[in-house]
Amino acid sequence: MKHLLIRTLWLATLVLISSPVLAGEFVVVGPRAAGMGGAGVAITTDALATYWNPAGLAMTQTVDIRLQATAQGTDRHGLVRALKDIEDLDLSNAANAGRANDLANRLNRPGASLSASGAAGLYFKGHFGEHAFGFNVSDVATSGGFISRPVTATGAGPITVDGQMALRGLEARQAAFSYAYAFADKTFAIGITAKAIQGAAYSGSATINGQDVTLSDNFGKSKLSTAFGVDVGAIYRPASWLRLGIVAKDLNQPEFDAPDGTKLKIVPQVRGGVAVNPYSSLTLTADMDVTSNKTFVPGLKSQVLSVGLEQTILNEFLSLRAGAYKNVQDAGSTITPTAGFGLRIFAFRMDFGAGYDFREQGILGSLSLSLTF
């Protein structure tokens, strides 16, 4: 546990679930949304709309080619810090018995857990008149880690530490095609995305015994299966300065094989968003999960409220962004601030967005490179 950030983000690659039904967390995709608190349903009109809301493809007549990678990790109640502290403790010294018990109690606290998500891929958008289309080849992963066997610290010189952490998650490797159409001079747009998904399910566990824990060596062998998913979305623009959006993901409830022989069903996610432009270069936006989504941490649900703003300068040569998000279903979660920027030089642009939870050391980071015509 010597590299806290790397190991937290590594959870984004872990995958499985023991429950037969899962409504996964809504993964933040792309640095514009990351910099604006994770909001993207009403504002995304580039190639990433194939993920956020396919209706957004029809709101602008552009061609967009985009590469992006995003990762997010949350450490609740200092689980990673406690693991590192117990690894650094001299267990041969009887004087450390009290400290070892304190650390074991920290690890066993209700709610102590790790969550992570990540996404990366190639995204494309094009148009033919009012008809818009797009596709992406991408990978979206969610995961969680939690204490599955309580940690104990017994004896005195040597001190014996024993416990176990379970690692769960799902990785969706997908090829998606989107179509959207705008009505009434882009007052209203609807879109649909069809996805062919290879699901990779993993189940792992890490023994806590005072030695270094390497998560990458403990997530097990994947269980692969395929399914199809369907997303639908709509955007309504009643005025030039106001935009309302909604998206429903995985409406057909795709199923994947779990390593224990059960079926893992993904139930729909629904998220709404609003965007306001007080003037042309300023955007204010907010998203909210309509559904309360299960996670890979038992007893923890995800329902995120995101708010953000973007100020563009010199015709989008520079874009400055700020925002915040909070999981309203997690009473212990804090408001996490985010920020980001974009640089555009002719058709090329680079964007970066990040967020950091100063109390729980949660982190969000995203980078994209794109060509827009």
Protein backbone atom coordinates (compact mmCIF):
# COMPACT_ATOMS: atom_id res chain seq x y z
CA MET A 1 0.00 0.00 0.00
CA LYS A 2 2.89 2.39 -0.72
CA HIS A 3 1.19 4.24 -3.54
CA LEU A 4 -2.22 5.27 -2.21
CA LEU A 5 -3.51 7.03 -5.31
CA ILE A 6 -2.46 4.29 -7.73
CA ARG A 7 -3.94 1.55 -5.63
CA THR A 8 -7.21 3.37 -5.09
CA LEU A 9 -7.60 3.91 -8.84
CA TRP A 10 -6.63 0.28 -9.46
CA LEU A 11 -10.03 -0.65 -8.06
CA ALA A 12 -11.51 0.73 -11.28
CA THR A 13 -10.29 -2.45 -12.98
CA LEU A 14 -11.74 -4.90 -10.46
CA VAL A 15 -14.98 -6.57 -11.34
CA LEU A 16 -17.86 -8.82 -9.91
CA ILE A 17 -20.98 -8.91 -7.77
CA SER A 18 -22.61 -11.51 -5.55
CA SER A 19 -26.10 -9.97 -5.72
CA PRO A 20 -28.21 -10.94 -8.79
CA VAL A 21 -29.26 -7.31 -9.42
CA LEU A 22 -27.12 -4.19 -9.70
CA ALA A 23 -27.80 -0.60 -10.68
CA GLY A 24 -24.23 0.56 -11.05
CA GLU A 25 -22.93 4.00 -10.20
CA PHE A 26 -23.26 6.62 -12.94
CA VAL A 27 -19.64 6.92 -14.09
CA VAL A 28 -18.22 10.36 -14.88
CA VAL A 29 -16.86 10.32 -18.45
CA GLY A 30 -14.75 13.13 -19.89
CA PRO A 31 -12.90 16.13 -18.46
CA ARG A 32 -15.55 18.74 -19.23
CA ALA A 33 -18.06 16.96 -17.00
CA ALA A 34 -15.35 16.11 -14.46
CA GLY A 35 -14.40 19.77 -14.11
CA MET A 36 -18.05 20.76 -13.72
CA GLY A 37 -18.84 18.49 -10.77
CA GLY A 38 -19.74 15.45 -12.89
CA ALA A 39 -22.65 17.09 -14.72
CA GLY A 40 -23.07 16.23 -18.39
CA VAL A 41 -26.64 15.20 -19.28
CA ALA A 42 -27.87 18.60 -20.51
CA ILE A 43 -24.61 20.12 -21.78
CA THR A 44 -22.79 17.37 -23.70
CA THR A 45 -23.14 17.83 -27.46
CA ASP A 46 -19.79 16.43 -28.63
CA ALA A 47 -18.91 12.76 -29.25
CA LEU A 48 -19.19 11.96 -25.53
CA ALA A 49 -22.95 12.40 -25.90
CA THR A 50 -22.92 8.76 -27.04
CA TYR A 51 -22.41 8.06 -23.32
CA TRP A 52 -24.04 10.99 -21.52
CA ASN A 53 -27.20 11.57 -23.54
CA PRO A 54 -27.53 10.57 -27.21
CA ALA A 55 -30.03 13.40 -27.82
CA GLY A 56 -27.15 15.87 -27.36
CA LEU A 57 -25.64 14.71 -30.66
CA ALA A 58 -28.41 16.51 -32.57
CA MET A 59 -28.02 19.86 -30.79
CA THR A 60 -24.96 20.93 -32.82
CA GLN A 61 -23.94 20.13 -36.39
CA THR A 62 -20.29 19.22 -35.90
CA VAL A 63 -17.92 16.37 -36.55
CA ASP A 64 -16.05 15.37 -33.40
CA ILE A 65 -13.38 12.72 -32.82
CA ARG A 66 -12.32 12.26 -29.22
CA LEU A 67 -10.05 10.14 -27.02
CA GLN A 68 -10.68 10.30 -23.28
CA ALA A 69 -9.74 8.56 -20.05
CA THR A 70 -11.33 9.12 -16.63
CA ALA A 71 -10.74 7.55 -13.22
CA GLN A 72 -12.40 8.14 -9.86
CA GLY A 73 -11.71 6.67 -6.42
CA THR A 74 -13.26 7.19 -2.98
CA ASP A 75 -11.69 6.11 0.35
CA ARG A 76 -14.33 6.13 3.09
CA HIS A 77 -13.33 6.60 6.74
CA GLY A 78 -9.62 6.42 5.96
CA LEU A 79 -9.52 2.71 5.04
CA VAL A 80 -6.42 3.08 2.86
CA ARG A 81 -4.62 5.14 5.51
CA ALA A 82 -5.38 2.54 8.18
CA LEU A 83 -4.15 -0.28 5.94
CA LYS A 84 -0.89 1.55 5.32
CA ASP A 85 -0.43 2.33 9.01
CA ILE A 86 -0.89 -1.31 10.01
CA GLU A 87 1.58 -2.39 7.31
CA ASP A 88 4.15 0.08 8.63
CA LEU A 89 3.73 -1.05 12.25
CA ASP A 90 6.50 -3.10 13.90
CA LEU A 91 4.47 -6.16 14.89
CA SER A 92 7.41 -7.73 16.70
CA ASN A 93 7.31 -4.97 19.33
CA ALA A 94 4.87 -5.68 22.19
CA ALA A 95 4.59 -1.94 22.85
CA ASN A 96 2.63 -1.61 19.58
CA ALA A 97 -0.19 -3.95 20.68
CA GLY A 98 -2.50 -1.08 21.62
CA ARG A 99 -1.79 0.74 18.37
CA ALA A 100 -2.49 -2.45 16.38
CA ASN A 101 -5.88 -2.82 18.11
CA ASP A 102 -6.75 0.81 17.37
CA LEU A 103 -5.95 0.31 13.69
CA ALA A 104 -8.00 -2.90 13.56
CA ASN A 105 -10.95 -1.00 15.03
CA ARG A 106 -10.52 1.72 12.38
CA LEU A 107 -10.64 -0.87 9.62
CA ASN A 108 -13.75 -2.47 11.14
CA ARG A 109 -15.71 0.79 11.40
CA PRO A 110 -19.14 0.67 9.70
CA GLY A 111 -18.91 2.27 6.27
CA ALA A 112 -15.12 1.90 5.90
CA SER A 113 -14.74 0.97 2.23
CA LEU A 114 -13.28 1.84 -1.15
CA SER A 115 -15.13 2.59 -4.39
CA ALA A 116 -13.70 3.31 -7.80
CA SER A 117 -14.84 3.76 -11.38
CA GLY A 118 -13.15 4.42 -14.67
CA ALA A 119 -13.81 4.84 -18.37
CA ALA A 120 -11.67 5.17 -21.48
CA GLY A 121 -12.24 4.95 -25.21
CA LEU A 122 -12.55 6.42 -28.67
CA TYR A 123 -15.69 8.46 -29.48
CA PHE A 124 -16.98 9.81 -32.82
CA LYS A 125 -19.82 12.13 -33.81
CA GLY A 126 -21.14 13.13 -37.26
CA HIS A 127 -24.33 14.48 -38.82
CA PHE A 128 -26.46 14.53 -41.95
CA GLY A 129 -28.74 17.55 -41.82
CA GLU A 130 -30.88 17.30 -38.68
CA HIS A 131 -29.91 13.64 -38.33
CA ALA A 132 -26.95 13.01 -36.04
CA PHE A 133 -25.07 9.82 -35.31
CA GLY A 134 -22.14 8.67 -33.26
CA PHE A 135 -20.32 5.64 -31.98
CA ASN A 136 -17.80 4.73 -29.36
CA VAL A 137 -15.53 1.84 -28.51
CA SER A 138 -15.01 2.15 -24.79
CA ASP A 139 -14.53 0.47 -21.45
CA VAL A 140 -16.57 1.45 -18.38
CA ALA A 141 -15.74 -0.12 -15.01
CA THR A 142 -17.10 0.19 -11.47
CA SER A 143 -15.81 -1.55 -8.35
CA GLY A 144 -15.72 -1.65 -4.57
CA GLY A 145 -13.65 -2.98 -1.70
CA PHE A 146 -14.78 -3.60 1.88
CA ILE A 147 -13.84 -5.61 4.98
CA SER A 148 -15.42 -9.04 4.58
CA ARG A 149 -13.81 -10.61 7.66
CA PRO A 150 -13.26 -8.36 10.67
CA VAL A 151 -9.65 -7.48 11.38
CA THR A 152 -8.21 -8.66 14.69
CA ALA A 153 -4.88 -7.92 16.40
CA THR A 154 -3.85 -10.48 19.05
CA GLY A 155 -0.74 -11.38 20.98
CA ALA A 156 2.18 -9.29 22.12
CA GLY A 157 5.54 -9.52 20.41
CA PRO A 158 4.85 -10.85 17.87
CA ILE A 159 1.42 -9.32 17.25
CA THR A 160 -0.81 -11.34 14.92
CA VAL A 161 -3.05 -9.38 12.56
CA ASP A 162 -5.77 -11.20 10.64
CA GLY A 163 -8.65 -10.05 8.45
CA GLN A 164 -9.85 -9.95 4.87
CA MET A 165 -10.98 -7.37 2.32
CA ALA A 166 -13.33 -8.33 -0.52
CA LEU A 167 -12.96 -6.77 -3.96
CA ARG A 168 -15.96 -6.60 -6.31
CA GLY A 169 -16.81 -4.96 -9.62
CA LEU A 170 -17.91 -5.10 -13.25
CA GLU A 171 -16.11 -4.03 -16.42
CA ALA A 172 -18.24 -3.30 -19.50
CA ARG A 173 -16.25 -3.42 -22.75
CA GLN A 174 -18.63 -1.98 -25.28
CA ALA A 175 -19.18 -0.92 -28.86
CA ALA A 176 -22.03 1.61 -29.00
CA PHE A 177 -23.89 3.24 -31.89
CA SER A 178 -26.11 6.30 -31.36
CA TYR A 179 -28.69 8.10 -33.47
CA ALA A 180 -30.41 11.41 -32.68
CA TYR A 181 -32.84 13.77 -34.37
CA ALA A 182 -33.71 17.38 -33.58
CA PHE A 183 -37.15 18.89 -34.11
CA ALA A 184 -38.45 22.45 -34.45
CA ASP A 185 -35.14 24.25 -34.96
CA LYS A 186 -33.47 22.22 -32.19
CA THR A 187 -36.15 22.99 -29.63
CA PHE A 188 -36.45 19.29 -28.90
CA ALA A 189 -34.17 16.33 -29.61
CA ILE A 190 -34.37 12.61 -28.93
CA GLY A 191 -31.67 9.98 -29.19
CA ILE A 192 -31.01 6.29 -28.73
CA THR A 193 -27.84 4.28 -28.17
CA ALA A 194 -27.50 0.54 -28.82
CA LYS A 195 -24.56 -1.19 -27.13
CA ALA A 196 -22.92 -4.56 -27.65
CA ILE A 197 -21.25 -5.28 -24.30
CA GLN A 198 -18.72 -7.83 -23.19
CA GLY A 199 -18.99 -7.99 -19.42
CA ALA A 200 -15.93 -9.10 -17.46
CA ALA A 201 -16.83 -10.10 -13.90
CA TYR A 202 -14.19 -10.64 -11.23
CA SER A 203 -14.25 -11.55 -7.56
CA GLY A 204 -11.22 -11.15 -5.34
CA SER A 205 -10.08 -10.90 -1.77
CA ALA A 206 -6.99 -9.57 -0.03
CA THR A 207 -5.72 -10.95 3.26
CA ILE A 208 -4.89 -8.31 5.87
CA ASN A 209 -2.00 -9.62 7.98
CA GLY A 210 0.28 -6.63 8.41
CA GLN A 211 2.13 -7.27 5.16
CA ASP A 212 1.93 -5.17 1.98
CA VAL A 213 -1.35 -5.71 0.10
CA THR A 214 -1.15 -5.67 -3.69
CA LEU A 215 -4.66 -5.34 -5.09
CA SER A 216 -3.61 -6.22 -8.63
CA ASP A 217 -2.60 -9.71 -7.42
CA ASN A 218 -5.91 -10.39 -5.69
CA PHE A 219 -8.79 -9.74 -8.06
CA GLY A 220 -8.98 -13.23 -9.56
CA LYS A 221 -9.82 -14.51 -13.02
CA SER A 222 -12.55 -12.87 -15.07
CA LYS A 223 -15.85 -14.42 -16.07
CA LEU A 224 -16.74 -13.19 -19.57
CA SER A 225 -20.20 -12.96 -21.13
CA THR A 226 -21.95 -10.75 -23.68
CA ALA A 227 -25.20 -8.80 -23.73
CA PHE A 228 -26.87 -5.85 -25.42
CA GLY A 229 -27.84 -2.56 -23.80
CA VAL A 230 -30.17 0.28 -24.83
CA ASP A 231 -29.98 3.91 -23.68
CA VAL A 232 -32.48 6.64 -24.59
CA GLY A 233 -32.34 10.37 -23.99
CA ALA A 234 -34.09 13.65 -24.69
CA ILE A 235 -33.24 17.34 -24.57
CA TYR A 236 -35.76 20.20 -24.47
CA ARG A 237 -34.68 23.78 -25.15
CA PRO A 238 -37.66 26.07 -24.45
CA ALA A 239 -35.45 29.18 -24.75
CA SER A 240 -32.03 29.91 -26.18
CA TRP A 241 -30.60 30.21 -22.66
CA LEU A 242 -32.21 27.12 -21.10
CA ARG A 243 -31.77 23.42 -21.76
CA LEU A 244 -33.32 20.44 -19.96
CA GLY A 245 -32.07 16.89 -20.44
CA ILE A 246 -32.84 13.37 -19.27
CA VAL A 247 -31.26 10.01 -20.02
CA ALA A 248 -32.19 6.44 -19.11
CA LYS A 249 -29.41 3.88 -19.44
CA ASP A 250 -29.68 0.10 -19.88
CA LEU A 251 -33.47 0.09 -20.21
CA ASN A 252 -33.50 -3.52 -21.36
CA GLN A 253 -31.66 -4.70 -18.20
CA PRO A 254 -28.72 -6.60 -19.75
CA GLU A 255 -27.50 -9.68 -17.91
CA PHE A 256 -23.98 -11.01 -17.41
CA ASP A 257 -22.59 -14.22 -15.96
CA ALA A 258 -21.11 -13.98 -12.48
CA PRO A 259 -18.29 -16.32 -11.37
CA ASP A 260 -20.55 -18.00 -8.79
CA GLY A 261 -22.88 -19.20 -11.57
CA THR A 262 -25.62 -16.62 -11.03
CA LYS A 263 -26.78 -13.94 -13.48
CA LEU A 264 -25.88 -10.31 -12.92
CA LYS A 265 -28.70 -8.05 -14.11
CA ILE A 266 -28.03 -4.34 -14.66
CA VAL A 267 -31.16 -2.37 -13.84
CA PRO A 268 -31.81 1.04 -15.46
CA GLN A 269 -30.12 4.25 -14.39
CA VAL A 270 -31.97 7.54 -14.88
CA ARG A 271 -30.37 10.98 -14.59
CA GLY A 272 -31.73 14.45 -15.31
CA GLY A 273 -29.88 17.68 -16.01
CA VAL A 274 -30.41 21.39 -16.58
CA ALA A 275 -28.14 23.98 -18.22
CA VAL A 276 -28.52 27.76 -18.17
CA ASN A 277 -26.60 30.31 -20.26
CA PRO A 278 -26.91 33.77 -18.65
CA TYR A 279 -24.81 34.94 -21.60
CA SER A 280 -23.17 33.11 -24.49
CA SER A 281 -19.79 32.43 -22.89
CA LEU A 282 -21.08 31.29 -19.47
CA THR A 283 -22.78 27.96 -18.74
CA LEU A 284 -24.31 26.92 -15.42
CA THR A 285 -25.38 23.29 -15.11
CA ALA A 286 -26.63 20.69 -12.64
CA ASP A 287 -27.33 16.94 -12.79
CA MET A 288 -29.15 14.64 -10.40
CA ASP A 289 -29.59 10.88 -10.38
CA VAL A 290 -33.30 10.10 -10.42
CA THR A 291 -32.61 6.51 -9.42
CA SER A 292 -30.81 5.42 -6.27
CA ASN A 293 -28.17 3.03 -7.56
CA LYS A 294 -26.66 0.06 -5.74
CA THR A 295 -22.87 -0.15 -5.54
CA PHE A 296 -20.37 -2.94 -4.97
CA VAL A 297 -20.14 -1.98 -1.30
CA PRO A 298 -22.95 -3.70 0.67
CA GLY A 299 -25.42 -1.21 2.10
CA LEU A 300 -24.05 1.75 0.16
CA LYS A 301 -26.12 3.41 -2.56
CA SER A 302 -25.21 6.11 -5.04
CA GLN A 303 -27.43 9.06 -5.92
CA VAL A 304 -25.25 11.97 -6.95
CA LEU A 305 -26.06 15.67 -7.17
CA SER A 306 -23.62 17.57 -9.42
CA VAL A 307 -23.34 21.31 -10.09
CA GLY A 308 -20.87 23.22 -12.24
CA LEU A 309 -20.06 26.22 -14.38
CA GLU A 310 -17.94 26.97 -17.44
CA GLN A 311 -16.59 30.31 -18.67
CA THR A 312 -15.13 30.40 -22.17
CA ILE A 313 -12.64 33.05 -23.29
CA LEU A 314 -11.67 34.20 -26.80
CA ASN A 315 -14.15 32.01 -28.65
CA GLU A 316 -13.30 28.87 -26.63
CA PHE A 317 -9.53 29.27 -26.95
CA LEU A 318 -9.63 28.84 -23.17
CA SER A 319 -12.41 27.26 -21.12
CA LEU A 320 -12.37 27.49 -17.32
CA ARG A 321 -14.56 25.15 -15.25
CA ALA A 322 -15.49 24.59 -11.61
CA GLY A 323 -18.07 22.53 -9.76
CA ALA A 324 -18.87 20.14 -6.93
CA TYR A 325 -20.67 16.85 -6.33
CA LYS A 326 -22.12 14.88 -3.42
CA ASN A 327 -23.63 11.44 -2.98
CA VAL A 328 -26.89 12.29 -1.21
CA GLN A 329 -27.46 8.62 -0.31
CA ASP A 330 -24.21 8.49 1.71
CA ALA A 331 -24.65 10.46 4.91
CA GLY A 332 -20.91 10.38 5.55
CA SER A 333 -19.91 11.78 2.17
CA THR A 334 -18.66 15.34 1.80
CA ILE A 335 -19.13 17.90 -0.96
CA THR A 336 -16.23 17.33 -3.34
CA PRO A 337 -14.96 20.35 -5.31
CA THR A 338 -13.82 20.01 -8.92
CA ALA A 339 -12.10 22.21 -11.50
CA GLY A 340 -10.78 21.97 -15.03
CA PHE A 341 -9.81 23.75 -18.20
CA GLY A 342 -9.80 23.32 -21.97
CA LEU A 343 -7.52 24.72 -24.65
CA ARG A 344 -8.60 24.97 -28.28
CA ILE A 345 -6.30 25.74 -31.22
CA PHE A 346 -8.20 25.62 -34.51
CA ALA A 347 -9.77 22.12 -34.70
CA PHE A 348 -7.61 20.60 -31.96
CA ARG A 349 -8.47 20.80 -28.30
CA MET A 350 -7.18 19.36 -25.04
CA ASP A 351 -9.27 19.22 -21.87
CA PHE A 352 -8.45 18.29 -18.28
CA GLY A 353 -10.69 18.01 -15.22
CA ALA A 354 -10.17 16.87 -11.65
CA GLY A 355 -11.73 16.77 -8.19
CA TYR A 356 -10.47 16.01 -4.69
CA ASP A 357 -12.20 15.13 -1.42
CA PHE A 358 -9.95 16.72 1.19
CA ARG A 359 -11.49 14.76 4.09
CA GLU A 360 -11.72 11.24 2.65
CA GLN A 361 -8.96 11.63 0.01
CA GLY A 362 -11.31 10.74 -2.83
CA ILE A 363 -10.01 11.73 -6.25
CA LEU A 364 -11.38 12.28 -9.76
CA GLY A 365 -9.26 12.89 -12.85
CA SER A 366 -9.94 13.03 -16.59
CA LEU A 367 -8.09 13.97 -19.80
CA SER A 368 -9.21 14.11 -23.43
CA LEU A 369 -7.75 15.00 -26.82
CA SER A 370 -10.09 15.80 -29.69
CA LEU A 371 -10.60 17.20 -33.18
CA THR A 372 -13.79 19.19 -33.80
CA PHE A 373 -14.89 20.49 -37.20
